């Protein structure tokens, strides 16, 4: 068995061939080669996010703030100085585990030239999109701090614009500043009319609704995205009641077979679907 590798601590351009003898047994040569590589840890089937971060810091994004996931996988498949993963799912699992922590890296859907879009950090991400990118932890945290500072500054500015006039101190030197001031006007001999507070503004935007079509070839991915990007935000609102339902319509010009009807009907009953059925229309 000839296994190519590069010692990045010695020479990044010289490929070294590790020669391993494999013989004996009744397995095929491919099975024996695979077993030998697994035994020698020359194929990685489970990768820790800390090891992924180490490769990123040492080589892949040493002078960059981020790296596309697609590019990262292409590098892992190309360069012999990087770990040899058994499949792309090993990389995706490592990224998914790392994002559910504050110690490794962040994830973003894109970069608009100034900021990373749809940033995710310290949260569960069900699907890692190859079109997204990993972002250095320090860079992501800096953006979070800047956005929070801007939000607080905007909130303070709005509060200053909505604030009332201040009340001067009394003769005794004590004063107060109520949130709202309602002046009084003389209406007669020694009487004053007090202006009542206006009625509180009724809440707006009290209901949200949506309807979406799902791609039957990527249902799991689409549903996960709706949960993470929409439903999760709605359920996090205090006092909000969120109802999610599923509608399915299937049409076959040739008609569904008795076996399909029987299987689907039994499964609907087992899953306690609220309403279902077949018809001739």
C-alpha atoms as a PDB file:
ATOM      1  CA  UNK A   1       0.000   0.000   0.000  1.00  0.00           C
ATOM      2  CA  UNK A   2       1.478   3.369  -1.081  1.00  0.00           C
ATOM      3  CA  UNK A   3       0.158   6.356   0.889  1.00  0.00           C
ATOM      4  CA  UNK A   4       1.298   9.862  -0.138  1.00  0.00           C
ATOM      5  CA  UNK A   5       1.795  12.540   2.499  1.00  0.00           C
ATOM      6  CA  UNK A   6       3.698  15.773   3.068  1.00  0.00           C
ATOM      7  CA  UNK A   7       5.511  16.751   6.236  1.00  0.00           C
ATOM      8  CA  UNK A   8       4.521  20.405   6.452  1.00  0.00           C
ATOM      9  CA  UNK A   9       7.092  20.988   9.205  1.00  0.00           C
ATOM     10  CA  UNK A  10       9.887  19.979   6.807  1.00  0.00           C
ATOM     11  CA  UNK A  11       9.096  20.635   3.135  1.00  0.00           C
ATOM     12  CA  UNK A  12       5.663  21.675   1.863  1.00  0.00           C
ATOM     13  CA  UNK A  13       6.505  20.717  -1.742  1.00  0.00           C
ATOM     14  CA  UNK A  14       7.967  17.242  -1.391  1.00  0.00           C
ATOM     15  CA  UNK A  15       5.581  14.274  -1.426  1.00  0.00           C
ATOM     16  CA  UNK A  16       6.689  11.296   0.643  1.00  0.00           C
ATOM     17  CA  UNK A  17       5.348   7.823  -0.092  1.00  0.00           C
ATOM     18  CA  UNK A  18       4.669   5.692   2.933  1.00  0.00           C
ATOM     19  CA  UNK A  19       5.071   2.023   1.909  1.00  0.00           C
ATOM     20  CA  UNK A  20       2.958  -0.452   3.900  1.00  0.00           C
ATOM     21  CA  UNK A  21       2.856  -4.193   3.302  1.00  0.00           C
ATOM     22  CA  UNK A  22      -0.618  -5.742   3.248  1.00  0.00           C
ATOM     23  CA  UNK A  23      -0.998  -9.479   2.826  1.00  0.00           C
ATOM     24  CA  UNK A  24      -2.912 -12.471   4.122  1.00  0.00           C
ATOM     25  CA  UNK A  25      -6.598 -12.934   4.741  1.00  0.00           C
ATOM     26  CA  UNK A  26      -9.437 -13.636   2.353  1.00  0.00           C
ATOM     27  CA  UNK A  27     -10.611 -10.041   1.924  1.00  0.00           C
ATOM     28  CA  UNK A  28     -10.204  -8.184  -1.338  1.00  0.00           C
ATOM     29  CA  UNK A  29      -7.171  -5.955  -1.800  1.00  0.00           C
ATOM     30  CA  UNK A  30      -9.400  -2.887  -1.467  1.00  0.00           C
ATOM     31  CA  UNK A  31     -10.854  -4.063   1.864  1.00  0.00           C
ATOM     32  CA  UNK A  32      -7.413  -4.890   3.220  1.00  0.00           C
ATOM     33  CA  UNK A  33      -6.053  -1.504   2.111  1.00  0.00           C
ATOM     34  CA  UNK A  34      -8.947   0.317   3.766  1.00  0.00           C
ATOM     35  CA  UNK A  35      -8.553  -1.607   7.017  1.00  0.00           C
ATOM     36  CA  UNK A  36      -4.821  -0.921   7.087  1.00  0.00           C
ATOM     37  CA  UNK A  37      -5.328   2.818   6.576  1.00  0.00           C
ATOM     38  CA  UNK A  38      -7.928   2.919   9.323  1.00  0.00           C
ATOM     39  CA  UNK A  39      -5.607   1.047  11.676  1.00  0.00           C
ATOM     40  CA  UNK A  40      -2.758   3.465  10.933  1.00  0.00           C
ATOM     41  CA  UNK A  41      -5.113   6.487  11.289  1.00  0.00           C
ATOM     42  CA  UNK A  42      -4.315   7.529   7.734  1.00  0.00           C
ATOM     43  CA  UNK A  43      -8.018   7.974   7.067  1.00  0.00           C
ATOM     44  CA  UNK A  44     -10.072  10.145   9.424  1.00  0.00           C
ATOM     45  CA  UNK A  45     -13.648   9.012  10.046  1.00  0.00           C
ATOM     46  CA  UNK A  46     -14.392  11.423  12.908  1.00  0.00           C
ATOM     47  CA  UNK A  47     -12.752  14.847  13.201  1.00  0.00           C
ATOM     48  CA  UNK A  48     -12.788  17.068  16.268  1.00  0.00           C
ATOM     49  CA  UNK A  49     -13.454  20.797  15.697  1.00  0.00           C
ATOM     50  CA  UNK A  50     -10.280  21.606  17.641  1.00  0.00           C
ATOM     51  CA  UNK A  51      -8.221  19.713  15.039  1.00  0.00           C
ATOM     52  CA  UNK A  52     -10.057  21.471  12.221  1.00  0.00           C
ATOM     53  CA  UNK A  53      -9.306  24.837  13.831  1.00  0.00           C
ATOM     54  CA  UNK A  54      -5.646  23.890  14.172  1.00  0.00           C
ATOM     55  CA  UNK A  55      -5.373  23.234  10.426  1.00  0.00           C
ATOM     56  CA  UNK A  56      -7.182  26.495   9.693  1.00  0.00           C
ATOM     57  CA  UNK A  57      -4.869  28.533  11.909  1.00  0.00           C
ATOM     58  CA  UNK A  58      -1.666  26.817  10.801  1.00  0.00           C
ATOM     59  CA  UNK A  59      -2.188  26.897   7.050  1.00  0.00           C
ATOM     60  CA  UNK A  60      -5.564  27.571   5.512  1.00  0.00           C
ATOM     61  CA  UNK A  61      -6.629  31.013   6.786  1.00  0.00           C
ATOM     62  CA  UNK A  62      -3.450  32.286   8.386  1.00  0.00           C
ATOM     63  CA  UNK A  63      -3.790  35.621   6.541  1.00  0.00           C
ATOM     64  CA  UNK A  64      -7.552  35.564   5.969  1.00  0.00           C
ATOM     65  CA  UNK A  65     -10.606  36.178   8.120  1.00  0.00           C
ATOM     66  CA  UNK A  66     -12.720  33.417   6.577  1.00  0.00           C
ATOM     67  CA  UNK A  67     -12.758  30.491   4.181  1.00  0.00           C
ATOM     68  CA  UNK A  68     -15.637  29.101   2.071  1.00  0.00           C
ATOM     69  CA  UNK A  69     -16.743  25.605   3.069  1.00  0.00           C
ATOM     70  CA  UNK A  70     -16.582  24.478  -0.554  1.00  0.00           C
ATOM     71  CA  UNK A  71     -12.979  25.676  -0.846  1.00  0.00           C
ATOM     72  CA  UNK A  72     -12.069  24.030   2.446  1.00  0.00           C
ATOM     73  CA  UNK A  73     -13.328  20.661   1.235  1.00  0.00           C
ATOM     74  CA  UNK A  74     -11.458  21.053  -2.072  1.00  0.00           C
ATOM     75  CA  UNK A  75      -8.232  21.759  -0.165  1.00  0.00           C
ATOM     76  CA  UNK A  76      -8.717  18.661   1.987  1.00  0.00           C
ATOM     77  CA  UNK A  77      -9.138  16.576  -1.171  1.00  0.00           C
ATOM     78  CA  UNK A  78      -6.109  18.107  -2.900  1.00  0.00           C
ATOM     79  CA  UNK A  79      -3.184  18.671  -0.545  1.00  0.00           C
ATOM     80  CA  UNK A  80      -1.284  15.807   1.067  1.00  0.00           C
ATOM     81  CA  UNK A  81      -0.229  17.904   4.077  1.00  0.00           C
ATOM     82  CA  UNK A  82      -3.863  18.031   5.242  1.00  0.00           C
ATOM     83  CA  UNK A  83      -5.741  15.202   6.986  1.00  0.00           C
ATOM     84  CA  UNK A  84      -7.337  12.653   4.662  1.00  0.00           C
ATOM     85  CA  UNK A  85     -11.033  12.465   5.519  1.00  0.00           C
ATOM     86  CA  UNK A  86     -13.124   9.450   4.595  1.00  0.00           C
ATOM     87  CA  UNK A  87     -15.891  11.675   3.246  1.00  0.00           C
ATOM     88  CA  UNK A  88     -17.356  15.165   3.156  1.00  0.00           C
ATOM     89  CA  UNK A  89     -19.740  14.277   5.985  1.00  0.00           C
ATOM     90  CA  UNK A  90     -16.759  14.075   8.362  1.00  0.00           C
ATOM     91  CA  UNK A  91     -15.982  17.734   7.660  1.00  0.00           C
ATOM     92  CA  UNK A  92     -19.629  18.777   7.990  1.00  0.00           C
ATOM     93  CA  UNK A  93     -19.949  17.004  11.348  1.00  0.00           C
ATOM     94  CA  UNK A  94     -16.809  18.743  12.626  1.00  0.00           C
ATOM     95  CA  UNK A  95     -18.153  22.141  11.553  1.00  0.00           C
ATOM     96  CA  UNK A  96     -21.576  21.434  13.063  1.00  0.00           C
ATOM     97  CA  UNK A  97     -20.025  20.445  16.392  1.00  0.00           C
ATOM     98  CA  UNK A  98     -17.728  23.469  16.414  1.00  0.00           C
ATOM     99  CA  UNK A  99     -20.547  25.950  15.749  1.00  0.00           C
ATOM    100  CA  UNK A 100     -22.408  24.689  18.804  1.00  0.00           C
ATOM    101  CA  UNK A 101     -19.673  26.270  20.940  1.00  0.00           C
ATOM    102  CA  UNK A 102     -17.910  29.609  21.515  1.00  0.00           C
ATOM    103  CA  UNK A 103     -14.392  28.166  21.255  1.00  0.00           C
ATOM    104  CA  UNK A 104     -13.703  27.463  17.571  1.00  0.00           C
ATOM    105  CA  UNK A 105     -15.243  29.469  14.719  1.00  0.00           C
ATOM    106  CA  UNK A 106     -18.427  31.058  13.389  1.00  0.00           C
ATOM    107  CA  UNK A 107     -20.420  30.459  10.213  1.00  0.00           C
ATOM    108  CA  UNK A 108     -21.848  32.965   7.736  1.00  0.00           C
ATOM    109  CA  UNK A 109     -23.949  32.640   4.599  1.00  0.00           C
ATOM    110  CA  UNK A 110     -21.939  35.326   2.819  1.00  0.00           C
ATOM    111  CA  UNK A 111     -19.924  38.547   2.983  1.00  0.00           C
ATOM    112  CA  UNK A 112     -21.161  41.853   1.539  1.00  0.00           C
ATOM    113  CA  UNK A 113     -17.796  43.594   1.667  1.00  0.00           C
ATOM    114  CA  UNK A 114     -18.329  45.086   5.118  1.00  0.00           C
ATOM    115  CA  UNK A 115     -19.983  42.474   7.287  1.00  0.00           C
ATOM    116  CA  UNK A 116     -20.714  38.753   7.389  1.00  0.00           C
ATOM    117  CA  UNK A 117     -24.337  37.935   6.617  1.00  0.00           C
ATOM    118  CA  UNK A 118     -26.551  35.516   8.550  1.00  0.00           C
ATOM    119  CA  UNK A 119     -23.820  34.845  11.090  1.00  0.00           C
ATOM    120  CA  UNK A 120     -24.140  31.812  13.381  1.00  0.00           C
ATOM    121  CA  UNK A 121     -22.145  31.207  16.548  1.00  0.00           C
ATOM    122  CA  UNK A 122     -22.705  29.084  19.647  1.00  0.00           C
ATOM    123  CA  UNK A 123     -25.889  27.533  18.273  1.00  0.00           C
ATOM    124  CA  UNK A 124     -27.065  24.315  16.692  1.00  0.00           C
ATOM    125  CA  UNK A 125     -26.940  24.412  12.898  1.00  0.00           C
ATOM    126  CA  UNK A 126     -28.736  21.478  11.344  1.00  0.00           C
ATOM    127  CA  UNK A 127     -27.414  21.839   7.795  1.00  0.00           C
ATOM    128  CA  UNK A 128     -24.007  23.205   6.799  1.00  0.00           C
ATOM    129  CA  UNK A 129     -24.318  24.806   3.380  1.00  0.00           C
ATOM    130  CA  UNK A 130     -21.316  24.412   1.089  1.00  0.00           C
ATOM    131  CA  UNK A 131     -21.970  27.931  -0.211  1.00  0.00           C
ATOM    132  CA  UNK A 132     -21.371  29.356   3.281  1.00  0.00           C
ATOM    133  CA  UNK A 133     -18.081  30.123   4.984  1.00  0.00           C
ATOM    134  CA  UNK A 134     -16.259  29.655   8.256  1.00  0.00           C
ATOM    135  CA  UNK A 135     -15.290  32.891  10.012  1.00  0.00           C
ATOM    136  CA  UNK A 136     -12.541  33.461  12.548  1.00  0.00           C
ATOM    137  CA  UNK A 137     -13.917  33.653  16.078  1.00  0.00           C
ATOM    138  CA  UNK A 138     -12.296  37.012  16.882  1.00  0.00           C
ATOM    139  CA  UNK A 139     -13.673  38.561  13.684  1.00  0.00           C
ATOM    140  CA  UNK A 140     -17.202  37.292  14.363  1.00  0.00           C
ATOM    141  CA  UNK A 141     -17.144  38.492  17.980  1.00  0.00           C
ATOM    142  CA  UNK A 142     -15.903  41.921  16.902  1.00  0.00           C
ATOM    143  CA  UNK A 143     -18.802  42.241  14.465  1.00  0.00           C
ATOM    144  CA  UNK A 144     -21.244  41.161  17.180  1.00  0.00           C
ATOM    145  CA  UNK A 145     -19.861  43.803  19.570  1.00  0.00           C
ATOM    146  CA  UNK A 146     -20.013  46.517  16.903  1.00  0.00           C
ATOM    147  CA  UNK A 147     -23.604  45.651  15.994  1.00  0.00           C
ATOM    148  CA  UNK A 148     -24.614  45.625  19.667  1.00  0.00           C
ATOM    149  CA  UNK A 149     -22.917  49.008  20.270  1.00  0.00           C
ATOM    150  CA  UNK A 150     -24.705  50.463  17.256  1.00  0.00           C
ATOM    151  CA  UNK A 151     -28.027  49.045  18.441  1.00  0.00           C
ATOM    152  CA  UNK A 152     -27.582  50.588  21.875  1.00  0.00           C
ATOM    153  CA  UNK A 153     -26.560  53.937  20.376  1.00  0.00           C
ATOM    154  CA  UNK A 154     -29.630  53.948  18.108  1.00  0.00           C
ATOM    155  CA  UNK A 155     -31.872  53.047  21.052  1.00  0.00           C
ATOM    156  CA  UNK A 156     -30.368  55.858  23.135  1.00  0.00           C
ATOM    157  CA  UNK A 157     -30.861  58.324  20.285  1.00  0.00           C
ATOM    158  CA  UNK A 158     -34.512  57.334  19.907  1.00  0.00           C
ATOM    159  CA  UNK A 159     -35.048  57.620  23.639  1.00  0.00           C
ATOM    160  CA  UNK A 160     -33.519  61.106  23.633  1.00  0.00           C
ATOM    161  CA  UNK A 161     -35.803  62.228  20.809  1.00  0.00           C
ATOM    162  CA  UNK A 162     -38.906  60.897  22.609  1.00  0.00           C
ATOM    163  CA  UNK A 163     -38.017  62.297  26.056  1.00  0.00           C
ATOM    164  CA  UNK A 164     -39.962  65.232  27.600  1.00  0.00           C
ATOM    165  CA  UNK A 165     -38.663  68.549  28.911  1.00  0.00           C
ATOM    166  CA  UNK A 166     -36.928  68.495  32.257  1.00  0.00           C
ATOM    167  CA  UNK A 167     -38.503  69.972  35.419  1.00  0.00           C
ATOM    168  CA  UNK A 168     -36.410  72.630  37.223  1.00  0.00           C
ATOM    169  CA  UNK A 169     -35.457  72.020  40.824  1.00  0.00           C
ATOM    170  CA  UNK A 170     -37.846  73.236  43.546  1.00  0.00           C
ATOM    171  CA  UNK A 171     -37.061  75.997  46.024  1.00  0.00           C
ATOM    172  CA  UNK A 172     -35.730  73.416  48.437  1.00  0.00           C
ATOM    173  CA  UNK A 173     -33.311  72.224  45.830  1.00  0.00           C
ATOM    174  CA  UNK A 174     -35.119  68.920  45.154  1.00  0.00           C
ATOM    175  CA  UNK A 175     -36.528  68.165  41.751  1.00  0.00           C
ATOM    176  CA  UNK A 176     -37.986  65.378  39.685  1.00  0.00           C
ATOM    177  CA  UNK A 177     -38.274  64.469  36.015  1.00  0.00           C
ATOM    178  CA  UNK A 178     -41.433  62.550  35.163  1.00  0.00           C
ATOM    179  CA  UNK A 179     -41.463  60.585  31.938  1.00  0.00           C
ATOM    180  CA  UNK A 180     -44.301  62.698  30.493  1.00  0.00           C
ATOM    181  CA  UNK A 181     -45.390  66.275  31.377  1.00  0.00           C
ATOM    182  CA  UNK A 182     -48.940  67.528  30.967  1.00  0.00           C
ATOM    183  CA  UNK A 183     -49.218  71.309  31.499  1.00  0.00           C
ATOM    184  CA  UNK A 184     -52.248  72.942  33.114  1.00  0.00           C
ATOM    185  CA  UNK A 185     -54.068  76.060  32.015  1.00  0.00           C
ATOM    186  CA  UNK A 186     -56.253  78.412  34.052  1.00  0.00           C
ATOM    187  CA  UNK A 187     -59.930  77.995  33.146  1.00  0.00           C
ATOM    188  CA  UNK A 188     -61.598  80.253  35.649  1.00  0.00           C
ATOM    189  CA  UNK A 189     -61.336  81.862  39.064  1.00  0.00           C
ATOM    190  CA  UNK A 190     -58.789  79.778  40.908  1.00  0.00           C
ATOM    191  CA  UNK A 191     -59.546  76.580  38.960  1.00  0.00           C
ATOM    192  CA  UNK A 192     -57.332  74.577  36.645  1.00  0.00           C
ATOM    193  CA  UNK A 193     -58.118  71.912  34.079  1.00  0.00           C
ATOM    194  CA  UNK A 194     -55.833  68.898  34.082  1.00  0.00           C
ATOM    195  CA  UNK A 195     -55.162  67.379  30.624  1.00  0.00           C
ATOM    196  CA  UNK A 196     -55.577  63.627  30.736  1.00  0.00           C
ATOM    197  CA  UNK A 197     -52.962  61.239  29.387  1.00  0.00           C
ATOM    198  CA  UNK A 198     -53.754  60.002  25.871  1.00  0.00           C
ATOM    199  CA  UNK A 199     -54.802  56.395  25.521  1.00  0.00           C
ATOM    200  CA  UNK A 200     -51.982  53.901  25.177  1.00  0.00           C
ATOM    201  CA  UNK A 201     -51.199  52.917  21.593  1.00  0.00           C
ATOM    202  CA  UNK A 202     -52.506  49.503  20.686  1.00  0.00           C
ATOM    203  CA  UNK A 203     -49.906  46.851  19.728  1.00  0.00           C
ATOM    204  CA  UNK A 204     -49.350  46.327  16.009  1.00  0.00           C
ATOM    205  CA  UNK A 205     -48.039  43.431  13.933  1.00  0.00           C
ATOM    206  CA  UNK A 206     -49.702  40.895  16.237  1.00  0.00           C
ATOM    207  CA  UNK A 207     -49.943  38.042  13.717  1.00  0.00           C
ATOM    208  CA  UNK A 208     -47.514  36.399  11.329  1.00  0.00           C
ATOM    209  CA  UNK A 209     -48.376  33.866   8.667  1.00  0.00           C
ATOM    210  CA  UNK A 210     -46.545  32.163   5.825  1.00  0.00           C
ATOM    211  CA  UNK A 211     -46.968  29.494   3.207  1.00  0.00           C
ATOM    212  CA  UNK A 212     -44.100  27.835   1.357  1.00  0.00           C
ATOM    213  CA  UNK A 213     -43.598  25.109  -1.230  1.00  0.00           C
ATOM    214  CA  UNK A 214     -41.008  22.435  -0.417  1.00  0.00           C
ATOM    215  CA  UNK A 215     -38.738  20.657  -2.859  1.00  0.00           C
ATOM    216  CA  UNK A 216     -39.541  16.960  -2.460  1.00  0.00           C
ATOM    217  CA  UNK A 217     -35.922  16.068  -3.248  1.00  0.00           C
ATOM    218  CA  UNK A 218     -34.631  18.263  -0.391  1.00  0.00           C
ATOM    219  CA  UNK A 219     -37.435  18.246   2.164  1.00  0.00           C
ATOM    220  CA  UNK A 220     -35.198  17.674   5.194  1.00  0.00           C
ATOM    221  CA  UNK A 221     -32.938  20.564   4.279  1.00  0.00           C
ATOM    222  CA  UNK A 222     -35.786  22.973   3.487  1.00  0.00           C
ATOM    223  CA  UNK A 223     -37.716  22.177   6.670  1.00  0.00           C
ATOM    224  CA  UNK A 224     -34.581  22.570   8.779  1.00  0.00           C
ATOM    225  CA  UNK A 225     -33.916  25.989   7.225  1.00  0.00           C
ATOM    226  CA  UNK A 226     -37.461  27.163   7.959  1.00  0.00           C
ATOM    227  CA  UNK A 227     -37.123  25.973  11.556  1.00  0.00           C
ATOM    228  CA  UNK A 228     -33.783  27.698  12.110  1.00  0.00           C
ATOM    229  CA  UNK A 229     -34.386  30.912  10.167  1.00  0.00           C
ATOM    230  CA  UNK A 230     -38.064  31.604  10.892  1.00  0.00           C
ATOM    231  CA  UNK A 231     -39.850  29.375  13.392  1.00  0.00           C
ATOM    232  CA  UNK A 232     -37.080  29.503  15.997  1.00  0.00           C
ATOM    233  CA  UNK A 233     -37.232  33.321  16.067  1.00  0.00           C
ATOM    234  CA  UNK A 234     -41.007  33.287  16.490  1.00  0.00           C
ATOM    235  CA  UNK A 235     -41.012  30.726  19.314  1.00  0.00           C
ATOM    236  CA  UNK A 236     -38.381  32.764  21.196  1.00  0.00           C
ATOM    237  CA  UNK A 237     -40.807  35.692  21.613  1.00  0.00           C
ATOM    238  CA  UNK A 238     -42.313  35.781  25.115  1.00  0.00           C
ATOM    239  CA  UNK A 239     -46.033  35.067  25.114  1.00  0.00           C
ATOM    240  CA  UNK A 240     -46.150  34.144  21.426  1.00  0.00           C
ATOM    241  CA  UNK A 241     -48.189  31.121  20.343  1.00  0.00           C
ATOM    242  CA  UNK A 242     -46.804  29.422  17.264  1.00  0.00           C
ATOM    243  CA  UNK A 243     -48.728  26.793  15.316  1.00  0.00           C
ATOM    244  CA  UNK A 244     -47.085  24.828  12.519  1.00  0.00           C
ATOM    245  CA  UNK A 245     -49.029  22.550  10.182  1.00  0.00           C
ATOM    246  CA  UNK A 246     -48.154  20.457   7.137  1.00  0.00           C
ATOM    247  CA  UNK A 247     -50.198  20.188   3.958  1.00  0.00           C
ATOM    248  CA  UNK A 248     -49.517  17.480   1.373  1.00  0.00           C
ATOM    249  CA  UNK A 249     -51.165  17.152  -2.029  1.00  0.00           C
ATOM    250  CA  UNK A 250     -50.173  14.358  -4.400  1.00  0.00           C
ATOM    251  CA  UNK A 251     -51.664  13.869  -7.865  1.00  0.00           C
ATOM    252  CA  UNK A 252     -51.113  10.858 -10.116  1.00  0.00           C
ATOM    253  CA  UNK A 253     -52.739  10.895 -13.535  1.00  0.00           C
ATOM    254  CA  UNK A 254     -52.554   7.094 -13.616  1.00  0.00           C
ATOM    255  CA  UNK A 255     -54.021   6.777 -10.136  1.00  0.00           C
ATOM    256  CA  UNK A 256     -52.351   5.421  -7.007  1.00  0.00           C
ATOM    257  CA  UNK A 257     -52.054   1.666  -6.626  1.00  0.00           C
ATOM    258  CA  UNK A 258     -53.892  -0.262  -3.928  1.00  0.00           C
ATOM    259  CA  UNK A 259     -50.589  -1.043  -2.219  1.00  0.00           C
ATOM    260  CA  UNK A 260     -49.625   2.624  -2.065  1.00  0.00           C
ATOM    261  CA  UNK A 261     -53.047   3.597  -0.760  1.00  0.00           C
ATOM    262  CA  UNK A 262     -52.949   0.890   1.902  1.00  0.00           C
ATOM    263  CA  UNK A 263     -49.414   1.802   3.043  1.00  0.00           C
ATOM    264  CA  UNK A 264     -50.056   5.536   3.183  1.00  0.00           C
ATOM    265  CA  UNK A 265     -53.399   5.096   4.950  1.00  0.00           C
ATOM    266  CA  UNK A 266     -51.932   2.799   7.604  1.00  0.00           C
ATOM    267  CA  UNK A 267     -49.006   5.153   8.181  1.00  0.00           C
ATOM    268  CA  UNK A 268     -51.328   8.151   8.507  1.00  0.00           C
ATOM    269  CA  UNK A 269     -53.347   6.312  11.131  1.00  0.00           C
ATOM    270  CA  UNK A 270     -50.203   5.293  12.991  1.00  0.00           C
ATOM    271  CA  UNK A 271     -48.926   8.858  12.955  1.00  0.00           C
ATOM    272  CA  UNK A 272     -52.375  10.119  13.988  1.00  0.00           C
ATOM    273  CA  UNK A 273     -52.698  12.501  11.064  1.00  0.00           C
ATOM    274  CA  UNK A 274     -55.675  14.757  11.651  1.00  0.00           C
ATOM    275  CA  UNK A 275     -57.209  14.397   8.175  1.00  0.00           C
ATOM    276  CA  UNK A 276     -56.227  12.422   5.083  1.00  0.00           C
ATOM    277  CA  UNK A 277     -57.729  10.468   2.233  1.00  0.00           C
ATOM    278  CA  UNK A 278     -57.748   9.594  -1.470  1.00  0.00           C
ATOM    279  CA  UNK A 279     -60.359  10.728  -4.007  1.00  0.00           C
ATOM    280  CA  UNK A 280     -61.040  10.517  -7.742  1.00  0.00           C
ATOM    281  CA  UNK A 281     -60.753  14.226  -8.566  1.00  0.00           C
END
